[in-house]
PDB file of N, CA and C in Angstrom:
ATOM      1  N   UNK A   1      85.412 109.334 108.665  1.00  0.00           N
ATOM      2  CA  UNK A   1      85.405 109.581 107.178  1.00  0.00           C
ATOM      3  C   UNK A   1      85.106 108.219 106.543  1.00  0.00           C
ATOM      4  N   UNK A   2      84.249 108.239 105.465  1.00  0.00           N
ATOM      5  CA  UNK A   2      83.850 107.073 104.920  1.00  0.00           C
ATOM      6  C   UNK A   2      85.059 106.468 103.986  1.00  0.00           C
ATOM      7  N   UNK A   3      85.016 105.316 103.645  1.00  0.00           N
ATOM      8  CA  UNK A   3      86.053 104.614 102.761  1.00  0.00           C
ATOM      9  C   UNK A   3      86.042 105.405 101.381  1.00  0.00           C
ATOM     10  N   UNK A   4      84.859 105.777 100.884  1.00  0.00           N
ATOM     11  CA  UNK A   4      84.839 106.384  99.637  1.00  0.00           C
ATOM     12  C   UNK A   4      85.451 107.793  99.617  1.00  0.00           C
ATOM     13  N   UNK A   5      85.266 108.520 100.623  1.00  0.00           N
ATOM     14  CA  UNK A   5      85.877 109.931 100.648  1.00  0.00           C
ATOM     15  C   UNK A   5      87.405 109.812 100.968  1.00  0.00           C
ATOM     16  N   UNK A   6      87.781 108.742 101.813  1.00  0.00           N
ATOM     17  CA  UNK A   6      89.157 108.416 102.006  1.00  0.00           C
ATOM     18  C   UNK A   6      89.793 108.044 100.735  1.00  0.00           C
ATOM     19  N   UNK A   7      89.196 107.153  99.956  1.00  0.00           N
ATOM     20  CA  UNK A   7      89.738 106.719  98.594  1.00  0.00           C
ATOM     21  C   UNK A   7      89.850 107.913  97.643  1.00  0.00           C
ATOM     22  N   UNK A   8      88.919 108.920  97.619  1.00  0.00           N
ATOM     23  CA  UNK A   8      89.033 110.061  96.828  1.00  0.00           C
ATOM     24  C   UNK A   8      90.213 110.855  97.287  1.00  0.00           C
ATOM     25  N   UNK A   9      90.410 111.048  98.503  1.00  0.00           N
ATOM     26  CA  UNK A   9      91.737 111.702  98.997  1.00  0.00           C
ATOM     27  C   UNK A   9      92.973 111.063  98.540  1.00  0.00           C
ATOM     28  N   UNK A  10      93.009 109.757  98.762  1.00  0.00           N
ATOM     29  CA  UNK A  10      94.189 108.900  98.270  1.00  0.00           C
ATOM     30  C   UNK A  10      94.459 109.054  96.766  1.00  0.00           C
ATOM     31  N   UNK A  11      93.441 108.912  96.050  1.00  0.00           N
ATOM     32  CA  UNK A  11      93.460 109.035  94.524  1.00  0.00           C
ATOM     33  C   UNK A  11      94.007 110.341  94.212  1.00  0.00           C
ATOM     34  N   UNK A  12      93.479 111.456  94.785  1.00  0.00           N
ATOM     35  CA  UNK A  12      93.963 112.812  94.453  1.00  0.00           C
ATOM     36  C   UNK A  12      95.476 112.941  94.759  1.00  0.00           C
ATOM     37  N   UNK A  13      95.946 112.444  95.851  1.00  0.00           N
ATOM     38  CA  UNK A  13      97.332 112.633  96.299  1.00  0.00           C
ATOM     39  C   UNK A  13      98.210 111.674  95.370  1.00  0.00           C
ATOM     40  N   UNK A  14      97.868 110.549  95.134  1.00  0.00           N
ATOM     41  CA  UNK A  14      98.634 109.655  94.302  1.00  0.00           C
ATOM     42  C   UNK A  14      98.705 110.143  92.842  1.00  0.00           C
ATOM     43  N   UNK A  15      97.613 110.656  92.327  1.00  0.00           N
ATOM     44  CA  UNK A  15      97.610 111.098  90.878  1.00  0.00           C
ATOM     45  C   UNK A  15      98.509 112.346  90.877  1.00  0.00           C
ATOM     46  N   UNK A  16      98.375 113.231  91.882  1.00  0.00           N
ATOM     47  CA  UNK A  16      99.288 114.453  91.796  1.00  0.00           C
ATOM     48  C   UNK A  16     100.778 113.993  92.017  1.00  0.00           C
ATOM     49  N   UNK A  17     101.121 113.003  92.779  1.00  0.00           N
ATOM     50  CA  UNK A  17     102.468 112.597  92.981  1.00  0.00           C
ATOM     51  C   UNK A  17     102.914 111.972  91.663  1.00  0.00           C
ATOM     52  N   UNK A  18     102.090 111.127  91.037  1.00  0.00           N
ATOM     53  CA  UNK A  18     102.409 110.522  89.753  1.00  0.00           C
ATOM     54  C   UNK A  18     102.755 111.652  88.689  1.00  0.00           C
ATOM     55  N   UNK A  19     101.947 112.587  88.676  1.00  0.00           N
ATOM     56  CA  UNK A  19     102.135 113.630  87.565  1.00  0.00           C
ATOM     57  C   UNK A  19     103.361 114.438  87.824  1.00  0.00           C
ATOM     58  N   UNK A  20     103.581 114.893  88.996  1.00  0.00           N
ATOM     59  CA  UNK A  20     104.695 115.859  89.400  1.00  0.00           C
ATOM     60  C   UNK A  20     105.949 115.216  89.722  1.00  0.00           C
ATOM     61  N   UNK A  21     105.945 114.063  90.262  1.00  0.00           N
ATOM     62  CA  UNK A  21     107.200 113.348  90.805  1.00  0.00           C
ATOM     63  C   UNK A  21     107.535 112.095  90.093  1.00  0.00           C
ATOM     64  N   UNK A  22     106.657 111.251  90.190  1.00  0.00           N
ATOM     65  CA  UNK A  22     106.998 109.787  89.756  1.00  0.00           C
ATOM     66  C   UNK A  22     107.121 109.616  88.229  1.00  0.00           C
ATOM     67  N   UNK A  23     106.228 110.143  87.488  1.00  0.00           N
ATOM     68  CA  UNK A  23     106.378 109.973  86.004  1.00  0.00           C
ATOM     69  C   UNK A  23     107.615 110.729  85.431  1.00  0.00           C
ATOM     70  N   UNK A  24     107.814 111.942  85.823  1.00  0.00           N
ATOM     71  CA  UNK A  24     108.956 112.706  85.420  1.00  0.00           C
ATOM     72  C   UNK A  24     110.272 111.958  85.700  1.00  0.00           C
ATOM     73  N   UNK A  25     110.300 111.483  86.863  1.00  0.00           N
ATOM     74  CA  UNK A  25     111.514 110.790  87.456  1.00  0.00           C
ATOM     75  C   UNK A  25     111.721 109.433  86.661  1.00  0.00           C
ATOM     76  N   UNK A  26     110.533 108.742  86.478  1.00  0.00           N
ATOM     77  CA  UNK A  26     110.654 107.482  85.751  1.00  0.00           C
ATOM     78  C   UNK A  26     111.071 107.641  84.267  1.00  0.00           C
ATOM     79  N   UNK A  27     110.579 108.815  83.617  1.00  0.00           N
ATOM     80  CA  UNK A  27     110.930 109.097  82.296  1.00  0.00           C
ATOM     81  C   UNK A  27     112.531 109.465  82.264  1.00  0.00           C
ATOM     82  N   UNK A  28     112.999 110.123  83.211  1.00  0.00           N
ATOM     83  CA  UNK A  28     114.436 110.472  83.338  1.00  0.00           C
ATOM     84  C   UNK A  28     115.221 109.121  83.480  1.00  0.00           C
ATOM     85  N   UNK A  29     114.790 108.235  84.316  1.00  0.00           N
ATOM     86  CA  UNK A  29     115.543 106.975  84.503  1.00  0.00           C
ATOM     87  C   UNK A  29     115.498 106.165  83.291  1.00  0.00           C
ATOM     88  N   UNK A  30     114.309 106.238  82.583  1.00  0.00           N
ATOM     89  CA  UNK A  30     114.191 105.431  81.319  1.00  0.00           C
ATOM     90  C   UNK A  30     115.221 106.073  80.257  1.00  0.00           C
ATOM     91  N   UNK A  31     115.275 107.300  80.138  1.00  0.00           N
ATOM     92  CA  UNK A  31     116.233 107.895  79.247  1.00  0.00           C
ATOM     93  C   UNK A  31     117.728 107.495  79.632  1.00  0.00           C
ATOM     94  N   UNK A  32     117.975 107.493  80.952  1.00  0.00           N
ATOM     95  CA  UNK A  32     119.266 107.184  81.491  1.00  0.00           C
ATOM     96  C   UNK A  32     119.705 105.726  81.155  1.00  0.00           C
ATOM     97  N   UNK A  33     118.799 104.748  81.326  1.00  0.00           N
ATOM     98  CA  UNK A  33     119.190 103.381  80.966  1.00  0.00           C
ATOM     99  C   UNK A  33     119.205 103.148  79.515  1.00  0.00           C
ATOM    100  N   UNK A  34     118.304 103.846  78.723  1.00  0.00           N
ATOM    101  CA  UNK A  34     118.242 103.760  77.355  1.00  0.00           C
ATOM    102  C   UNK A  34     119.613 104.188  76.704  1.00  0.00           C
ATOM    103  N   UNK A  35     120.231 105.199  77.520  1.00  0.00           N
ATOM    104  CA  UNK A  35     121.484 105.761  77.028  1.00  0.00           C
ATOM    105  C   UNK A  35     122.728 104.736  77.427  1.00  0.00           C
ATOM    106  N   UNK A  36     122.454 103.672  78.025  1.00  0.00           N
ATOM    107  CA  UNK A  36     123.430 102.765  78.396  1.00  0.00           C
ATOM    108  C   UNK A  36     123.972 102.853  79.796  1.00  0.00           C
ATOM    109  N   UNK A  37     123.492 103.811  80.542  1.00  0.00           N
ATOM    110  CA  UNK A  37     123.884 104.003  81.900  1.00  0.00           C
ATOM    111  C   UNK A  37     123.349 103.065  82.950  1.00  0.00           C
ATOM    112  N   UNK A  38     124.000 102.963  84.056  1.00  0.00           N
ATOM    113  CA  UNK A  38     123.414 102.140  85.093  1.00  0.00           C
ATOM    114  C   UNK A  38     122.814 103.031  86.207  1.00  0.00           C
ATOM    115  N   UNK A  39     121.999 102.458  87.108  1.00  0.00           N
ATOM    116  CA  UNK A  39     121.416 103.177  88.178  1.00  0.00           C
ATOM    117  C   UNK A  39     122.254 103.346  89.344  1.00  0.00           C
ATOM    118  N   UNK A  40     122.226 104.452  89.967  1.00  0.00           N
ATOM    119  CA  UNK A  40     123.011 104.660  91.151  1.00  0.00           C
ATOM    120  C   UNK A  40     122.111 104.339  92.396  1.00  0.00           C
ATOM    121  N   UNK A  41     122.760 104.580  93.552  1.00  0.00           N
ATOM    122  CA  UNK A  41     121.966 104.174  94.797  1.00  0.00           C
ATOM    123  C   UNK A  41     120.619 104.976  94.978  1.00  0.00           C
ATOM    124  N   UNK A  42     120.683 106.241  94.633  1.00  0.00           N
ATOM    125  CA  UNK A  42     119.570 107.129  94.848  1.00  0.00           C
ATOM    126  C   UNK A  42     118.428 106.660  93.796  1.00  0.00           C
ATOM    127  N   UNK A  43     118.770 106.236  92.571  1.00  0.00           N
ATOM    128  CA  UNK A  43     117.764 105.821  91.615  1.00  0.00           C
ATOM    129  C   UNK A  43     117.193 104.341  92.158  1.00  0.00           C
ATOM    130  N   UNK A  44     117.973 103.542  92.669  1.00  0.00           N
ATOM    131  CA  UNK A  44     117.528 102.355  93.217  1.00  0.00           C
ATOM    132  C   UNK A  44     116.643 102.507  94.361  1.00  0.00           C
ATOM    133  N   UNK A  45     117.031 103.447  95.259  1.00  0.00           N
ATOM    134  CA  UNK A  45     116.168 103.814  96.464  1.00  0.00           C
ATOM    135  C   UNK A  45     114.731 104.244  95.993  1.00  0.00           C
ATOM    136  N   UNK A  46     114.787 105.121  94.988  1.00  0.00           N
ATOM    137  CA  UNK A  46     113.538 105.552  94.361  1.00  0.00           C
ATOM    138  C   UNK A  46     112.668 104.442  93.908  1.00  0.00           C
ATOM    139  N   UNK A  47     113.267 103.541  93.120  1.00  0.00           N
ATOM    140  CA  UNK A  47     112.506 102.346  92.621  1.00  0.00           C
ATOM    141  C   UNK A  47     111.987 101.529  93.775  1.00  0.00           C
ATOM    142  N   UNK A  48     112.825 101.389  94.758  1.00  0.00           N
ATOM    143  CA  UNK A  48     112.412 100.591  95.925  1.00  0.00           C
ATOM    144  C   UNK A  48     111.147 101.131  96.548  1.00  0.00           C
ATOM    145  N   UNK A  49     111.080 102.471  96.653  1.00  0.00           N
ATOM    146  CA  UNK A  49     109.965 103.152  97.197  1.00  0.00           C
ATOM    147  C   UNK A  49     108.725 102.926  96.393  1.00  0.00           C
ATOM    148  N   UNK A  50     108.951 103.120  95.110  1.00  0.00           N
ATOM    149  CA  UNK A  50     107.738 102.958  94.184  1.00  0.00           C
ATOM    150  C   UNK A  50     107.288 101.476  94.312  1.00  0.00           C
ATOM    151  N   UNK A  51     108.091 100.528  94.178  1.00  0.00           N
ATOM    152  CA  UNK A  51     107.552  99.178  94.339  1.00  0.00           C
ATOM    153  C   UNK A  51     106.850  98.812  95.721  1.00  0.00           C
ATOM    154  N   UNK A  52     107.389  99.413  96.803  1.00  0.00           N
ATOM    155  CA  UNK A  52     106.688  99.271  98.038  1.00  0.00           C
ATOM    156  C   UNK A  52     105.322  99.995  98.003  1.00  0.00           C
ATOM    157  N   UNK A  53     105.391 101.210  97.498  1.00  0.00           N
ATOM    158  CA  UNK A  53     104.072 101.930  97.430  1.00  0.00           C
ATOM    159  C   UNK A  53     103.032 101.153  96.492  1.00  0.00           C
ATOM    160  N   UNK A  54     103.431 100.529  95.428  1.00  0.00           N
ATOM    161  CA  UNK A  54     102.646  99.704  94.543  1.00  0.00           C
ATOM    162  C   UNK A  54     102.022  98.617  95.339  1.00  0.00           C
ATOM    163  N   UNK A  55     102.818  97.909  96.258  1.00  0.00           N
ATOM    164  CA  UNK A  55     102.196  96.878  97.007  1.00  0.00           C
ATOM    165  C   UNK A  55     101.089  97.356  97.933  1.00  0.00           C
ATOM    166  N   UNK A  56     101.426  98.581  98.456  1.00  0.00           N
ATOM    167  CA  UNK A  56     100.393  99.157  99.468  1.00  0.00           C
ATOM    168  C   UNK A  56      99.205  99.622  98.669  1.00  0.00           C
ATOM    169  N   UNK A  57      99.236  99.887  97.460  1.00  0.00           N
ATOM    170  CA  UNK A  57      98.096 100.351  96.667  1.00  0.00           C
ATOM    171  C   UNK A  57      97.256  99.264  96.188  1.00  0.00           C
ATOM    172  N   UNK A  58      97.587  98.066  96.385  1.00  0.00           N
ATOM    173  CA  UNK A  58      96.803  96.830  95.791  1.00  0.00           C
ATOM    174  C   UNK A  58      95.352  96.885  96.326  1.00  0.00           C
ATOM    175  N   UNK A  59      95.188  97.088  97.638  1.00  0.00           N
ATOM    176  CA  UNK A  59      93.671  97.043  98.085  1.00  0.00           C
ATOM    177  C   UNK A  59      92.885  98.243  97.462  1.00  0.00           C
ATOM    178  N   UNK A  60      93.583  99.343  97.324  1.00  0.00           N
ATOM    179  CA  UNK A  60      92.815 100.505  96.640  1.00  0.00           C
ATOM    180  C   UNK A  60      92.542 100.215  95.177  1.00  0.00           C
ATOM    181  N   UNK A  61      93.398  99.573  94.569  1.00  0.00           N
ATOM    182  CA  UNK A  61      93.133  99.228  93.130  1.00  0.00           C
ATOM    183  C   UNK A  61      92.105  98.140  92.963  1.00  0.00           C
ATOM    184  N   UNK A  62      92.043  97.311  93.966  1.00  0.00           N
ATOM    185  CA  UNK A  62      90.965  96.249  93.960  1.00  0.00           C
ATOM    186  C   UNK A  62      89.608  96.938  94.058  1.00  0.00           C
ATOM    187  N   UNK A  63      89.571  98.082  94.820  1.00  0.00           N
ATOM    188  CA  UNK A  63      88.282  98.751  95.053  1.00  0.00           C
ATOM    189  C   UNK A  63      87.926  99.634  93.829  1.00  0.00           C
ATOM    190  N   UNK A  64      88.960 100.021  93.109  1.00  0.00           N
ATOM    191  CA  UNK A  64      88.924 100.992  91.999  1.00  0.00           C
ATOM    192  C   UNK A  64      89.531 100.500  90.817  1.00  0.00           C
ATOM    193  N   UNK A  65      88.776  99.706  90.067  1.00  0.00           N
ATOM    194  CA  UNK A  65      89.378  99.118  88.784  1.00  0.00           C
ATOM    195  C   UNK A  65      89.639 100.112  87.703  1.00  0.00           C
ATOM    196  N   UNK A  66      88.974 101.327  87.756  1.00  0.00           N
ATOM    197  CA  UNK A  66      89.300 102.443  86.811  1.00  0.00           C
ATOM    198  C   UNK A  66      90.662 102.870  86.788  1.00  0.00           C
ATOM    199  N   UNK A  67      91.403 102.594  87.857  1.00  0.00           N
ATOM    200  CA  UNK A  67      92.822 102.969  87.975  1.00  0.00           C
ATOM    201  C   UNK A  67      93.820 101.860  87.564  1.00  0.00           C
ATOM    202  N   UNK A  68      93.318 100.659  87.428  1.00  0.00           N
ATOM    203  CA  UNK A  68      94.156  99.517  87.152  1.00  0.00           C
ATOM    204  C   UNK A  68      94.998  99.556  85.884  1.00  0.00           C
ATOM    205  N   UNK A  69      94.420 100.139  84.791  1.00  0.00           N
ATOM    206  CA  UNK A  69      95.108 100.232  83.596  1.00  0.00           C
ATOM    207  C   UNK A  69      96.356 101.226  83.737  1.00  0.00           C
ATOM    208  N   UNK A  70      96.180 102.409  84.380  1.00  0.00           N
ATOM    209  CA  UNK A  70      97.194 103.271  84.654  1.00  0.00           C
ATOM    210  C   UNK A  70      98.274 102.687  85.568  1.00  0.00           C
ATOM    211  N   UNK A  71      97.814 101.894  86.581  1.00  0.00           N
ATOM    212  CA  UNK A  71      98.866 101.362  87.372  1.00  0.00           C
ATOM    213  C   UNK A  71      99.651 100.225  86.648  1.00  0.00           C
ATOM    214  N   UNK A  72      99.019  99.580  85.748  1.00  0.00           N
ATOM    215  CA  UNK A  72      99.703  98.509  84.967  1.00  0.00           C
ATOM    216  C   UNK A  72     100.661  99.168  84.009  1.00  0.00           C
ATOM    217  N   UNK A  73     100.206 100.217  83.433  1.00  0.00           N
ATOM    218  CA  UNK A  73     101.214 100.909  82.511  1.00  0.00           C
ATOM    219  C   UNK A  73     102.334 101.497  83.250  1.00  0.00           C
ATOM    220  N   UNK A  74     102.241 101.948  84.421  1.00  0.00           N
ATOM    221  CA  UNK A  74     103.318 102.480  85.180  1.00  0.00           C
ATOM    222  C   UNK A  74     104.229 101.294  85.613  1.00  0.00           C
ATOM    223  N   UNK A  75     103.661 100.163  86.026  1.00  0.00           N
ATOM    224  CA  UNK A  75     104.370  98.997  86.330  1.00  0.00           C
ATOM    225  C   UNK A  75     105.256  98.587  85.200  1.00  0.00           C
ATOM    226  N   UNK A  76     104.687  98.560  84.009  1.00  0.00           N
ATOM    227  CA  UNK A  76     105.458  98.038  82.798  1.00  0.00           C
ATOM    228  C   UNK A  76     106.627  99.119  82.589  1.00  0.00           C
ATOM    229  N   UNK A  77     106.338 100.356  82.820  1.00  0.00           N
ATOM    230  CA  UNK A  77     107.401 101.329  82.583  1.00  0.00           C
ATOM    231  C   UNK A  77     108.568 101.055  83.601  1.00  0.00           C
ATOM    232  N   UNK A  78     108.250 100.853  84.884  1.00  0.00           N
ATOM    233  CA  UNK A  78     109.241 100.525  85.739  1.00  0.00           C
ATOM    234  C   UNK A  78     109.975  99.201  85.556  1.00  0.00           C
ATOM    235  N   UNK A  79     109.130  98.186  85.056  1.00  0.00           N
ATOM    236  CA  UNK A  79     109.770  96.989  84.620  1.00  0.00           C
ATOM    237  C   UNK A  79     110.804  97.065  83.514  1.00  0.00           C
ATOM    238  N   UNK A  80     110.469  97.940  82.514  1.00  0.00           N
ATOM    239  CA  UNK A  80     111.347  98.266  81.404  1.00  0.00           C
ATOM    240  C   UNK A  80     112.617  98.788  81.953  1.00  0.00           C
ATOM    241  N   UNK A  81     112.522  99.862  82.929  1.00  0.00           N
ATOM    242  CA  UNK A  81     113.672 100.516  83.411  1.00  0.00           C
ATOM    243  C   UNK A  81     114.607  99.561  84.134  1.00  0.00           C
ATOM    244  N   UNK A  82     114.011  98.716  84.995  1.00  0.00           N
ATOM    245  CA  UNK A  82     114.760  97.787  85.731  1.00  0.00           C
ATOM    246  C   UNK A  82     115.498  96.680  84.875  1.00  0.00           C
ATOM    247  N   UNK A  83     114.697  96.257  83.881  1.00  0.00           N
ATOM    248  CA  UNK A  83     115.270  95.200  82.911  1.00  0.00           C
ATOM    249  C   UNK A  83     116.477  95.833  82.152  1.00  0.00           C
ATOM    250  N   UNK A  84     116.297  97.055  81.707  1.00  0.00           N
ATOM    251  CA  UNK A  84     117.378  97.726  80.976  1.00  0.00           C
ATOM    252  C   UNK A  84     118.597  98.091  81.833  1.00  0.00           C
ATOM    253  N   UNK A  85     118.179  98.402  83.072  1.00  0.00           N
ATOM    254  CA  UNK A  85     119.299  98.746  84.030  1.00  0.00           C
ATOM    255  C   UNK A  85     120.166  97.505  84.304  1.00  0.00           C
ATOM    256  N   UNK A  86     119.478  96.353  84.441  1.00  0.00           N
ATOM    257  CA  UNK A  86     120.227  95.068  84.721  1.00  0.00           C
ATOM    258  C   UNK A  86     120.987  94.741  83.480  1.00  0.00           C
ATOM    259  N   UNK A  87     120.345  94.972  82.341  1.00  0.00           N
ATOM    260  CA  UNK A  87     121.153  94.582  81.129  1.00  0.00           C
ATOM    261  C   UNK A  87     122.420  95.400  81.081  1.00  0.00           C
ATOM    262  N   UNK A  88     122.283  96.702  81.319  1.00  0.00           N
ATOM    263  CA  UNK A  88     123.443  97.753  81.257  1.00  0.00           C
ATOM    264  C   UNK A  88     124.480  97.242  82.353  1.00  0.00           C
ATOM    265  N   UNK A  89     123.994  96.895  83.534  1.00  0.00           N
ATOM    266  CA  UNK A  89     124.963  96.559  84.650  1.00  0.00           C
ATOM    267  C   UNK A  89     125.726  95.236  84.188  1.00  0.00           C
ATOM    268  N   UNK A  90     125.156  94.287  83.582  1.00  0.00           N
ATOM    269  CA  UNK A  90     125.777  93.101  83.058  1.00  0.00           C
ATOM    270  C   UNK A  90     126.802  93.403  81.948  1.00  0.00           C
ATOM    271  N   UNK A  91     126.501  94.425  81.110  1.00  0.00           N
ATOM    272  CA  UNK A  91     127.433  94.825  80.152  1.00  0.00           C
ATOM    273  C   UNK A  91     128.623  95.659  80.543  1.00  0.00           C
ATOM    274  N   UNK A  92     128.651  96.065  81.834  1.00  0.00           N
ATOM    275  CA  UNK A  92     129.757  96.937  82.340  1.00  0.00           C
ATOM    276  C   UNK A  92     130.959  95.994  82.540  1.00  0.00           C
ATOM    277  N   UNK A  93     132.163  96.507  82.141  1.00  0.00           N
ATOM    278  CA  UNK A  93     133.357  95.731  82.337  1.00  0.00           C
ATOM    279  C   UNK A  93     133.652  95.414  83.803  1.00  0.00           C
ATOM    280  N   UNK A  94     133.985  94.195  84.074  1.00  0.00           N
ATOM    281  CA  UNK A  94     134.264  93.933  85.484  1.00  0.00           C
ATOM    282  C   UNK A  94     135.579  94.252  85.929  1.00  0.00           C
ATOM    283  N   UNK A  95     135.725  94.947  87.046  1.00  0.00           N
ATOM    284  CA  UNK A  95     136.993  95.347  87.390  1.00  0.00           C
ATOM    285  C   UNK A  95     137.501  94.951  88.784  1.00  0.00           C
TER     286      UNK A  95
END
């Protein structure tokens, strides 16, 4: 299989996962932290998977700059989530 057809398959899977799983979950997490809540272990595990996948996607994004803006926007969303979650964590009473 050529790199081009492999990349097309990867793009299809990644975009479908983004639409059906990652973006809805990210928006739920954003709403959660915007409401002042903290992230639980499942939320953190999800974010860790996303960050690992983003690292793995770098060679693909280098070959396909047309997806770089979308990837950057998603990265900003996840950065906002983690920053707000950290802020919420620090605001929690220490017990």
